[in-house]
N, C-alpha and C. Protein backbone atom coordinates (compact mmCIF):
# COMPACT_ATOMS: atom_id res chain seq x y z
N MET A 1 21.86 106.79 6.22
CA MET A 1 23.39 107.93 5.90
C MET A 1 22.75 109.10 5.86
N ALA A 2 21.62 109.66 4.78
CA ALA A 2 21.50 110.61 4.75
C ALA A 2 20.55 111.80 5.78
N ARG A 3 19.85 110.63 6.65
CA ARG A 3 19.59 111.12 7.64
C ARG A 3 20.69 111.96 8.88
N GLN A 4 21.43 111.20 9.16
CA GLN A 4 22.88 111.69 9.72
C GLN A 4 23.21 112.72 9.11
N LEU A 5 23.32 112.95 7.61
CA LEU A 5 24.01 114.13 7.00
C LEU A 5 23.38 115.25 7.22
N MET A 6 22.19 115.39 7.21
CA MET A 6 21.46 116.14 7.60
C MET A 6 21.15 116.96 8.92
N TRP A 7 21.31 115.52 10.11
CA TRP A 7 21.74 116.06 11.39
C TRP A 7 23.28 117.16 11.13
N ILE A 8 23.90 116.52 10.45
CA ILE A 8 25.36 117.42 10.14
C ILE A 8 24.75 118.67 9.66
N ILE A 9 24.58 119.05 8.62
CA ILE A 9 24.48 119.93 7.36
C ILE A 9 23.55 121.07 7.65
N TRP A 10 22.27 120.58 8.40
CA TRP A 10 21.32 121.78 9.04
C TRP A 10 21.78 122.26 10.22
N PRO A 11 22.16 122.15 11.36
CA PRO A 11 22.52 122.69 12.28
C PRO A 11 23.73 123.58 11.91
N GLY A 12 25.05 123.26 11.11
CA GLY A 12 25.69 124.11 10.90
C GLY A 12 25.30 125.18 9.97
N PHE A 13 24.36 125.14 8.80
CA PHE A 13 23.43 125.98 7.86
C PHE A 13 22.83 127.50 9.04
N PHE A 14 22.16 126.47 9.89
CA PHE A 14 21.39 127.56 11.00
C PHE A 14 22.38 128.29 11.94
N MET A 15 23.68 127.84 12.12
CA MET A 15 24.47 128.73 12.76
C MET A 15 25.05 129.76 12.06
N ALA A 16 25.35 128.89 10.65
CA ALA A 16 26.09 129.96 9.70
C ALA A 16 25.27 131.76 9.50
N ILE A 17 24.17 131.30 9.44
CA ILE A 17 23.35 132.47 9.17
C ILE A 17 23.37 133.67 10.46
N PRO A 18 23.02 133.49 11.40
CA PRO A 18 23.18 134.53 11.84
C PRO A 18 24.75 135.04 12.52
N ALA A 19 25.98 133.87 12.31
CA ALA A 19 27.29 134.38 12.62
C ALA A 19 27.73 135.08 11.67
N VAL A 20 26.90 134.82 10.53
CA VAL A 20 27.99 135.83 9.23
C VAL A 20 27.09 137.14 9.44
N GLY A 21 25.62 137.28 10.09
CA GLY A 21 25.26 138.66 10.51
C GLY A 21 26.15 139.58 11.27
N VAL A 22 26.42 138.57 12.30
CA VAL A 22 27.56 138.97 13.45
C VAL A 22 28.85 139.77 13.00
N VAL A 23 29.65 138.67 11.94
CA VAL A 23 30.86 139.09 11.75
C VAL A 23 30.81 140.19 10.92
N PHE A 24 30.08 139.95 9.92
CA PHE A 24 30.21 141.27 8.61
C PHE A 24 29.43 142.50 9.07
N SER A 25 28.67 142.60 10.37
CA SER A 25 28.51 143.82 11.09
C SER A 25 29.56 144.46 11.71
N LEU A 26 30.22 143.49 11.99
CA LEU A 26 31.53 144.01 13.01
C LEU A 26 32.68 144.06 11.87
N PHE A 27 32.95 143.67 11.10
CA PHE A 27 34.24 143.87 10.04
C PHE A 27 33.15 143.92 8.33
N ASP A 28 34.10 145.17 8.09
CA ASP A 28 33.96 145.69 6.36
C ASP A 28 34.67 144.74 5.54
N PRO A 29 34.29 144.54 4.53
CA PRO A 29 35.27 143.33 3.36
C PRO A 29 36.35 144.27 3.07
N GLU A 30 36.37 145.76 2.59
CA GLU A 30 37.20 146.56 2.30
C GLU A 30 38.46 146.29 3.53
N ASP A 31 38.11 146.42 4.36
CA ASP A 31 39.01 145.94 5.64
C ASP A 31 39.90 145.04 5.77
N LEU A 32 39.33 143.98 5.09
CA LEU A 32 40.05 142.36 5.51
C LEU A 32 41.10 142.83 4.38
N HIS A 33 42.50 142.11 5.26
CA HIS A 33 43.74 141.84 4.51
C HIS A 33 43.76 140.23 4.58
N PHE A 34 44.71 139.78 3.89
CA PHE A 34 45.09 138.41 3.41
C PHE A 34 47.02 138.31 3.51
N PHE A 35 47.93 138.19 4.36
CA PHE A 35 49.01 138.36 4.22
C PHE A 35 49.77 139.67 3.88
N GLY A 36 48.88 140.60 4.61
CA GLY A 36 49.50 141.73 4.71
C GLY A 36 48.61 142.46 3.26
N SER A 37 47.88 142.02 2.21
CA SER A 37 47.62 142.69 1.15
C SER A 37 46.00 142.64 1.31
N PRO A 38 45.50 143.92 0.57
CA PRO A 38 44.03 143.64 0.72
C PRO A 38 43.59 142.63 -0.27
N VAL A 39 42.11 142.32 0.42
CA VAL A 39 41.75 141.27 -0.24
C VAL A 39 41.07 141.70 -1.82
N GLU A 40 41.02 141.07 -2.46
CA GLU A 40 40.76 141.52 -4.38
C GLU A 40 39.68 140.96 -4.82
N ILE A 41 39.19 140.77 -3.77
CA ILE A 41 37.51 140.07 -4.12
C ILE A 41 36.22 140.87 -4.06
N SER A 42 35.00 140.58 -4.74
CA SER A 42 33.95 141.63 -4.20
C SER A 42 33.57 141.39 -3.15
N HIS A 43 32.75 142.68 -2.70
CA HIS A 43 31.83 142.45 -1.31
C HIS A 43 31.09 140.91 -1.52
N MET A 44 30.65 141.01 -2.75
CA MET A 44 29.50 139.65 -2.52
C MET A 44 30.43 138.12 -2.09
N GLY A 45 31.36 138.40 -2.80
CA GLY A 45 32.68 137.38 -3.02
C GLY A 45 32.67 137.05 -1.20
N VAL A 46 33.53 138.26 -0.77
CA VAL A 46 33.75 137.50 0.73
C VAL A 46 33.13 137.63 1.32
N TYR A 47 31.34 137.82 1.32
CA TYR A 47 30.31 137.24 2.14
C TYR A 47 29.82 135.75 1.81
N THR A 48 30.22 135.78 0.37
CA THR A 48 29.87 134.12 0.18
C THR A 48 30.97 133.33 1.11
N LEU A 49 32.33 133.44 0.60
CA LEU A 49 33.47 132.31 1.03
C LEU A 49 33.18 132.59 2.83
N GLY A 50 32.90 134.04 3.31
CA GLY A 50 32.55 133.75 4.76
C GLY A 50 31.35 133.15 5.24
N PHE A 51 30.39 133.13 4.31
CA PHE A 51 29.17 131.94 4.79
C PHE A 51 29.67 130.35 5.00
N LEU A 52 30.20 130.24 3.65
CA LEU A 52 30.69 128.94 3.53
C LEU A 52 31.78 128.26 4.35
N LEU A 53 32.66 129.26 4.87
CA LEU A 53 33.41 128.92 5.83
C LEU A 53 32.67 128.71 7.36
N ILE A 54 32.18 129.59 7.39
CA ILE A 54 31.38 129.68 9.01
C ILE A 54 30.36 128.23 8.79
N TRP A 55 29.99 127.91 7.84
CA TRP A 55 28.95 126.87 7.67
C TRP A 55 29.66 125.23 7.65
N ALA A 56 31.04 125.30 7.05
CA ALA A 56 31.95 124.35 7.33
C ALA A 56 32.45 124.37 8.78
N PHE A 57 32.93 125.26 9.70
CA PHE A 57 33.29 124.90 10.94
C PHE A 57 31.83 124.76 11.54
N GLY A 58 30.53 125.11 11.67
CA GLY A 58 29.63 124.33 12.21
C GLY A 58 29.34 123.12 11.80
N ALA A 59 29.23 122.51 10.40
CA ALA A 59 29.11 121.45 10.27
C ALA A 59 30.47 120.35 10.56
N GLY A 60 31.34 120.95 10.98
CA GLY A 60 32.46 120.10 11.54
C GLY A 60 32.02 119.83 13.00
N CYS A 61 31.66 120.80 13.67
CA CYS A 61 31.55 120.92 15.01
C CYS A 61 30.34 119.50 15.09
N SER A 62 29.18 120.03 14.32
CA SER A 62 27.79 119.04 14.38
C SER A 62 28.24 117.28 14.01
N ALA A 63 29.50 117.34 13.32
CA ALA A 63 29.92 115.86 12.74
C ALA A 63 30.54 115.53 13.99
N MET A 64 31.78 116.30 14.71
CA MET A 64 32.21 115.68 16.17
C MET A 64 31.27 115.46 17.12
N THR A 65 29.87 115.79 17.33
CA THR A 65 29.16 115.80 18.26
C THR A 65 28.23 114.50 17.57
N CYS A 66 28.04 114.36 16.54
CA CYS A 66 27.60 112.99 16.06
C CYS A 66 28.23 111.53 16.18
N LEU A 67 29.59 112.07 15.95
CA LEU A 67 30.38 110.70 16.39
C LEU A 67 30.91 110.52 17.40
N LEU A 68 30.28 111.41 18.54
CA LEU A 68 31.45 111.33 20.13
C LEU A 68 29.79 110.76 20.71
N GLN A 69 28.60 110.66 19.97
CA GLN A 69 27.34 110.53 20.73
C GLN A 69 27.46 108.85 20.57
N ARG A 70 27.87 108.36 19.18
CA ARG A 70 27.91 106.96 19.12
C ARG A 70 28.94 106.00 20.01
N THR A 71 28.23 104.85 20.40
CA THR A 71 28.75 103.81 21.08
C THR A 71 30.29 103.11 20.28
N PRO A 72 31.03 102.61 21.18
CA PRO A 72 31.85 102.16 20.41
C PRO A 72 31.64 100.64 19.51
N PRO A 73 30.75 99.84 19.88
CA PRO A 73 30.15 98.53 19.07
C PRO A 73 29.90 99.61 17.82
N GLU A 74 29.18 100.89 17.83
CA GLU A 74 28.59 101.53 16.33
C GLU A 74 29.26 102.27 15.55
N ILE A 75 30.61 102.52 16.26
CA ILE A 75 31.86 103.07 15.35
C ILE A 75 32.55 101.91 14.76
N ASN A 76 33.08 100.62 15.31
CA ASN A 76 33.49 100.09 14.72
C ASN A 76 33.12 99.03 13.91
N ARG A 77 31.21 99.25 13.10
CA ARG A 77 30.73 98.49 12.54
C ARG A 77 31.11 98.87 10.89
N GLY A 78 31.54 98.45 9.82
CA GLY A 78 31.64 98.90 8.81
C GLY A 78 30.45 99.49 8.67
N ILE A 79 30.18 100.52 7.23
CA ILE A 79 29.83 101.30 6.51
C ILE A 79 28.07 100.41 6.41
N ASP A 80 28.10 99.58 5.91
CA ASP A 80 27.02 98.79 5.47
C ASP A 80 26.41 98.19 6.63
N GLY A 81 26.89 98.20 7.93
CA GLY A 81 26.23 97.81 9.25
C GLY A 81 26.66 96.53 9.39
N THR A 82 27.59 95.67 8.90
CA THR A 82 28.16 94.57 8.99
C THR A 82 29.49 94.75 10.03
N PRO A 83 29.98 93.87 11.01
CA PRO A 83 31.40 94.15 11.71
C PRO A 83 32.28 93.68 10.52
N ASP A 84 33.60 94.60 11.03
CA ASP A 84 34.44 94.43 10.11
C ASP A 84 35.15 93.48 10.24
N SER A 85 35.97 92.49 9.52
CA SER A 85 36.71 91.18 9.45
C SER A 85 37.97 91.41 10.01
């Protein structure tokens, strides 16, 4: 289970690093607006939230890849590896 979690978390992390660099080299946190009003968070807070959001999207993509590479019998097995009753 921990190995599969690392298959999901690390690719998302490695994708988030350059993505945040690209996004925040194009957009300044002072120019961001949320529902028409300026964002009232510090620059570091915006960078942190942006990194975590992009990391979550990357991890979601990795999780979907891990799910789609499994065979139907692997998916239908229980968490502990025993077949469901």
